[in-house]
Amino acid sequence: MYQEVQDNLESIHGALLRMNRSIQAEGTFGIMKHDRWYKRIVRKRIDSVKAELYLVALGYNLRKYITKIMALHGNLGDE
């Protein structure tokens, strides 16, 4: 079984899947780290860390949603 896993990981298909996975994960976290100045988690307990990450993700998604709505309907403050 170990050899089968190694063969799958070292295949071209496995390399493409790993590359795609790393690109997808880094996209959102890269934007949060570099464009939104979110550098580090400041909480210490796991519950607090989860809450902090959920809030950061919520803010990211809300900003994305509002930007999309404004692009579709124009700036809502123009009326």
N, C-alpha and C. Protein backbone atom coordinates (compact mmCIF):
# COMPACT_ATOMS: atom_id res chain seq x y z
N MET A 1 0.83 -1.19 0.00
CA MET A 1 0.00 0.00 0.00
C MET A 1 0.87 1.26 0.00
N TYR A 2 1.95 1.25 0.76
CA TYR A 2 2.85 2.40 0.81
C TYR A 2 3.41 2.69 -0.58
N GLN A 3 3.80 1.64 -1.29
CA GLN A 3 4.37 1.82 -2.63
C GLN A 3 3.33 2.39 -3.59
N GLU A 4 2.07 1.96 -3.45
CA GLU A 4 1.00 2.48 -4.30
C GLU A 4 0.79 3.98 -4.05
N VAL A 5 0.83 4.38 -2.79
CA VAL A 5 0.69 5.79 -2.45
C VAL A 5 1.84 6.59 -3.03
N GLN A 6 3.06 6.09 -2.88
CA GLN A 6 4.24 6.77 -3.43
C GLN A 6 4.14 6.91 -4.94
N ASP A 7 3.71 5.83 -5.62
CA ASP A 7 3.57 5.88 -7.08
C ASP A 7 2.53 6.92 -7.49
N ASN A 8 1.42 6.98 -6.77
CA ASN A 8 0.39 7.97 -7.08
C ASN A 8 0.89 9.39 -6.87
N LEU A 9 1.63 9.61 -5.78
CA LEU A 9 2.14 10.95 -5.49
C LEU A 9 3.19 11.39 -6.50
N GLU A 10 4.00 10.46 -6.96
CA GLU A 10 5.09 10.79 -7.87
C GLU A 10 4.67 10.81 -9.34
N SER A 11 3.44 10.40 -9.64
CA SER A 11 2.97 10.41 -11.02
C SER A 11 2.72 11.85 -11.48
N ILE A 12 2.61 12.04 -12.77
CA ILE A 12 2.34 13.37 -13.32
C ILE A 12 0.97 13.85 -12.85
N HIS A 13 -0.01 12.96 -12.86
CA HIS A 13 -1.35 13.33 -12.39
C HIS A 13 -1.32 13.77 -10.92
N GLY A 14 -0.58 13.03 -10.09
CA GLY A 14 -0.45 13.40 -8.68
C GLY A 14 0.22 14.75 -8.50
N ALA A 15 1.25 15.01 -9.31
CA ALA A 15 1.95 16.30 -9.22
C ALA A 15 1.02 17.44 -9.62
N LEU A 16 0.20 17.23 -10.66
CA LEU A 16 -0.74 18.27 -11.07
C LEU A 16 -1.80 18.53 -10.00
N LEU A 17 -2.28 17.47 -9.36
CA LEU A 17 -3.26 17.64 -8.29
C LEU A 17 -2.67 18.40 -7.11
N ARG A 18 -1.42 18.07 -6.74
CA ARG A 18 -0.77 18.77 -5.62
C ARG A 18 -0.56 20.24 -5.96
N MET A 19 -0.15 20.52 -7.19
CA MET A 19 0.09 21.90 -7.60
C MET A 19 -1.23 22.68 -7.57
N ASN A 20 -2.30 22.10 -8.08
CA ASN A 20 -3.60 22.77 -8.08
C ASN A 20 -4.08 23.02 -6.66
N ARG A 21 -3.87 22.07 -5.78
CA ARG A 21 -4.31 22.24 -4.39
C ARG A 21 -3.56 23.39 -3.72
N SER A 22 -2.26 23.47 -3.95
CA SER A 22 -1.49 24.53 -3.31
C SER A 22 -1.88 25.90 -3.86
N ILE A 23 -2.22 25.98 -5.13
CA ILE A 23 -2.64 27.25 -5.71
C ILE A 23 -3.97 27.69 -5.12
N GLN A 24 -4.90 26.77 -4.99
CA GLN A 24 -6.22 27.10 -4.47
C GLN A 24 -6.14 27.59 -3.03
N ALA A 25 -5.38 26.90 -2.21
CA ALA A 25 -5.29 27.28 -0.80
C ALA A 25 -4.58 28.62 -0.64
N GLU A 26 -3.53 28.84 -1.39
CA GLU A 26 -2.75 30.06 -1.22
C GLU A 26 -3.51 31.28 -1.71
N GLY A 27 -4.41 31.11 -2.64
CA GLY A 27 -5.14 32.25 -3.18
C GLY A 27 -5.83 33.07 -2.10
N THR A 28 -6.70 32.46 -1.35
CA THR A 28 -7.45 33.17 -0.32
C THR A 28 -6.55 33.64 0.81
N PHE A 29 -5.69 32.75 1.31
CA PHE A 29 -4.81 33.13 2.41
C PHE A 29 -3.79 34.17 1.97
N GLY A 30 -3.35 34.09 0.73
CA GLY A 30 -2.42 35.09 0.22
C GLY A 30 -3.04 36.47 0.17
N ILE A 31 -4.30 36.52 -0.25
CA ILE A 31 -5.01 37.80 -0.29
C ILE A 31 -5.19 38.34 1.12
N MET A 32 -5.58 37.48 2.05
CA MET A 32 -5.78 37.94 3.43
C MET A 32 -4.47 38.41 4.04
N LYS A 33 -3.37 37.73 3.75
CA LYS A 33 -2.09 38.09 4.35
C LYS A 33 -1.49 39.35 3.73
N HIS A 34 -1.50 39.43 2.42
CA HIS A 34 -0.77 40.51 1.75
C HIS A 34 -1.63 41.72 1.45
N ASP A 35 -2.85 41.51 0.99
CA ASP A 35 -3.69 42.64 0.62
C ASP A 35 -4.49 43.20 1.78
N ARG A 36 -4.76 42.41 2.78
CA ARG A 36 -5.58 42.85 3.91
C ARG A 36 -4.75 43.02 5.18
N TRP A 37 -3.46 42.90 5.09
CA TRP A 37 -2.53 43.10 6.22
C TRP A 37 -2.83 42.20 7.42
N TYR A 38 -3.29 41.00 7.16
CA TYR A 38 -3.54 40.04 8.25
C TYR A 38 -2.30 39.18 8.38
N LYS A 39 -1.47 39.46 9.35
CA LYS A 39 -0.17 38.81 9.43
C LYS A 39 -0.13 37.61 10.37
N ARG A 40 -0.81 37.69 11.50
CA ARG A 40 -0.69 36.59 12.45
C ARG A 40 -1.95 36.46 13.29
N ILE A 41 -2.10 35.28 13.84
CA ILE A 41 -3.21 35.01 14.76
C ILE A 41 -2.77 35.48 16.13
N VAL A 42 -3.58 36.29 16.78
CA VAL A 42 -3.19 36.84 18.07
C VAL A 42 -3.82 36.11 19.25
N ARG A 43 -4.71 35.19 18.98
CA ARG A 43 -5.36 34.42 20.06
C ARG A 43 -4.50 33.22 20.44
N LYS A 44 -4.79 32.63 21.61
CA LYS A 44 -3.99 31.51 22.08
C LYS A 44 -4.77 30.21 22.21
N ARG A 45 -6.02 30.27 22.66
CA ARG A 45 -6.80 29.04 22.81
C ARG A 45 -7.43 28.65 21.48
N ILE A 46 -7.62 27.36 21.26
CA ILE A 46 -8.12 26.88 19.97
C ILE A 46 -9.49 27.46 19.64
N ASP A 47 -10.37 27.60 20.63
CA ASP A 47 -11.69 28.19 20.37
C ASP A 47 -11.57 29.64 19.92
N SER A 48 -10.67 30.37 20.54
CA SER A 48 -10.46 31.78 20.18
C SER A 48 -9.83 31.89 18.79
N VAL A 49 -8.91 30.98 18.48
CA VAL A 49 -8.27 30.97 17.17
C VAL A 49 -9.31 30.71 16.09
N LYS A 50 -10.18 29.72 16.33
CA LYS A 50 -11.24 29.42 15.36
C LYS A 50 -12.15 30.62 15.16
N ALA A 51 -12.53 31.26 16.26
CA ALA A 51 -13.41 32.43 16.16
C ALA A 51 -12.74 33.55 15.37
N GLU A 52 -11.46 33.77 15.61
CA GLU A 52 -10.73 34.81 14.89
C GLU A 52 -10.68 34.50 13.39
N LEU A 53 -10.37 33.26 13.05
CA LEU A 53 -10.31 32.89 11.64
C LEU A 53 -11.68 32.97 10.97
N TYR A 54 -12.72 32.58 11.69
CA TYR A 54 -14.08 32.69 11.14
C TYR A 54 -14.44 34.14 10.86
N LEU A 55 -14.08 35.04 11.77
CA LEU A 55 -14.38 36.46 11.58
C LEU A 55 -13.60 37.05 10.41
N VAL A 56 -12.34 36.66 10.29
CA VAL A 56 -11.54 37.15 9.17
C VAL A 56 -12.12 36.63 7.85
N ALA A 57 -12.49 35.34 7.82
CA ALA A 57 -13.08 34.77 6.61
C ALA A 57 -14.42 35.41 6.29
N LEU A 58 -15.21 35.69 7.32
CA LEU A 58 -16.50 36.35 7.12
C LEU A 58 -16.31 37.74 6.51
N GLY A 59 -15.37 38.49 7.05
CA GLY A 59 -15.08 39.81 6.50
C GLY A 59 -14.60 39.74 5.06
N TYR A 60 -13.76 38.77 4.77
CA TYR A 60 -13.26 38.57 3.40
C TYR A 60 -14.41 38.28 2.44
N ASN A 61 -15.29 37.35 2.84
CA ASN A 61 -16.41 36.97 1.98
C ASN A 61 -17.43 38.09 1.83
N LEU A 62 -17.69 38.84 2.91
CA LEU A 62 -18.62 39.98 2.81
C LEU A 62 -18.08 41.05 1.86
N ARG A 63 -16.80 41.31 1.95
CA ARG A 63 -16.19 42.31 1.06
C ARG A 63 -16.30 41.86 -0.39
N LYS A 64 -16.05 40.58 -0.63
CA LYS A 64 -16.15 40.02 -1.98
C LYS A 64 -17.59 40.11 -2.50
N TYR A 65 -18.55 39.79 -1.64
CA TYR A 65 -19.97 39.82 -2.01
C TYR A 65 -20.42 41.25 -2.33
N ILE A 66 -20.07 42.19 -1.48
CA ILE A 66 -20.47 43.58 -1.68
C ILE A 66 -19.85 44.14 -2.95
N THR A 67 -18.58 43.81 -3.20
CA THR A 67 -17.92 44.25 -4.42
C THR A 67 -18.64 43.71 -5.65
N LYS A 68 -19.05 42.45 -5.59
CA LYS A 68 -19.76 41.84 -6.71
C LYS A 68 -21.12 42.51 -6.93
N ILE A 69 -21.86 42.75 -5.85
CA ILE A 69 -23.17 43.40 -5.96
C ILE A 69 -23.02 44.81 -6.54
N MET A 70 -22.02 45.54 -6.07
CA MET A 70 -21.82 46.90 -6.57
C MET A 70 -21.43 46.89 -8.05
N ALA A 71 -20.67 45.89 -8.47
CA ALA A 71 -20.30 45.80 -9.88
C ALA A 71 -21.51 45.48 -10.75
N LEU A 72 -22.43 44.67 -10.25
CA LEU A 72 -23.62 44.30 -11.02
C LEU A 72 -24.63 45.43 -11.10
N HIS A 73 -24.80 46.16 -10.01
CA HIS A 73 -25.85 47.17 -9.93
C HIS A 73 -25.32 48.59 -9.93
N GLY A 74 -24.07 48.77 -10.09
CA GLY A 74 -23.50 50.10 -10.01
C GLY A 74 -23.35 50.49 -8.55
N ASN A 75 -22.73 51.60 -8.30
CA ASN A 75 -22.55 52.08 -6.93
C ASN A 75 -23.91 52.47 -6.37
N LEU A 76 -24.34 51.83 -5.31
CA LEU A 76 -25.67 52.05 -4.75
C LEU A 76 -25.82 53.42 -4.11
N GLY A 77 -24.73 54.11 -3.84
CA GLY A 77 -24.79 55.42 -3.21
C GLY A 77 -25.02 56.56 -4.20
N ASP A 78 -25.09 56.27 -5.50
CA ASP A 78 -25.25 57.31 -6.53
C ASP A 78 -26.66 57.85 -6.62
N GLU A 79 -27.63 57.19 -6.07
CA GLU A 79 -29.03 57.58 -6.27
C GLU A 79 -29.42 58.79 -5.48
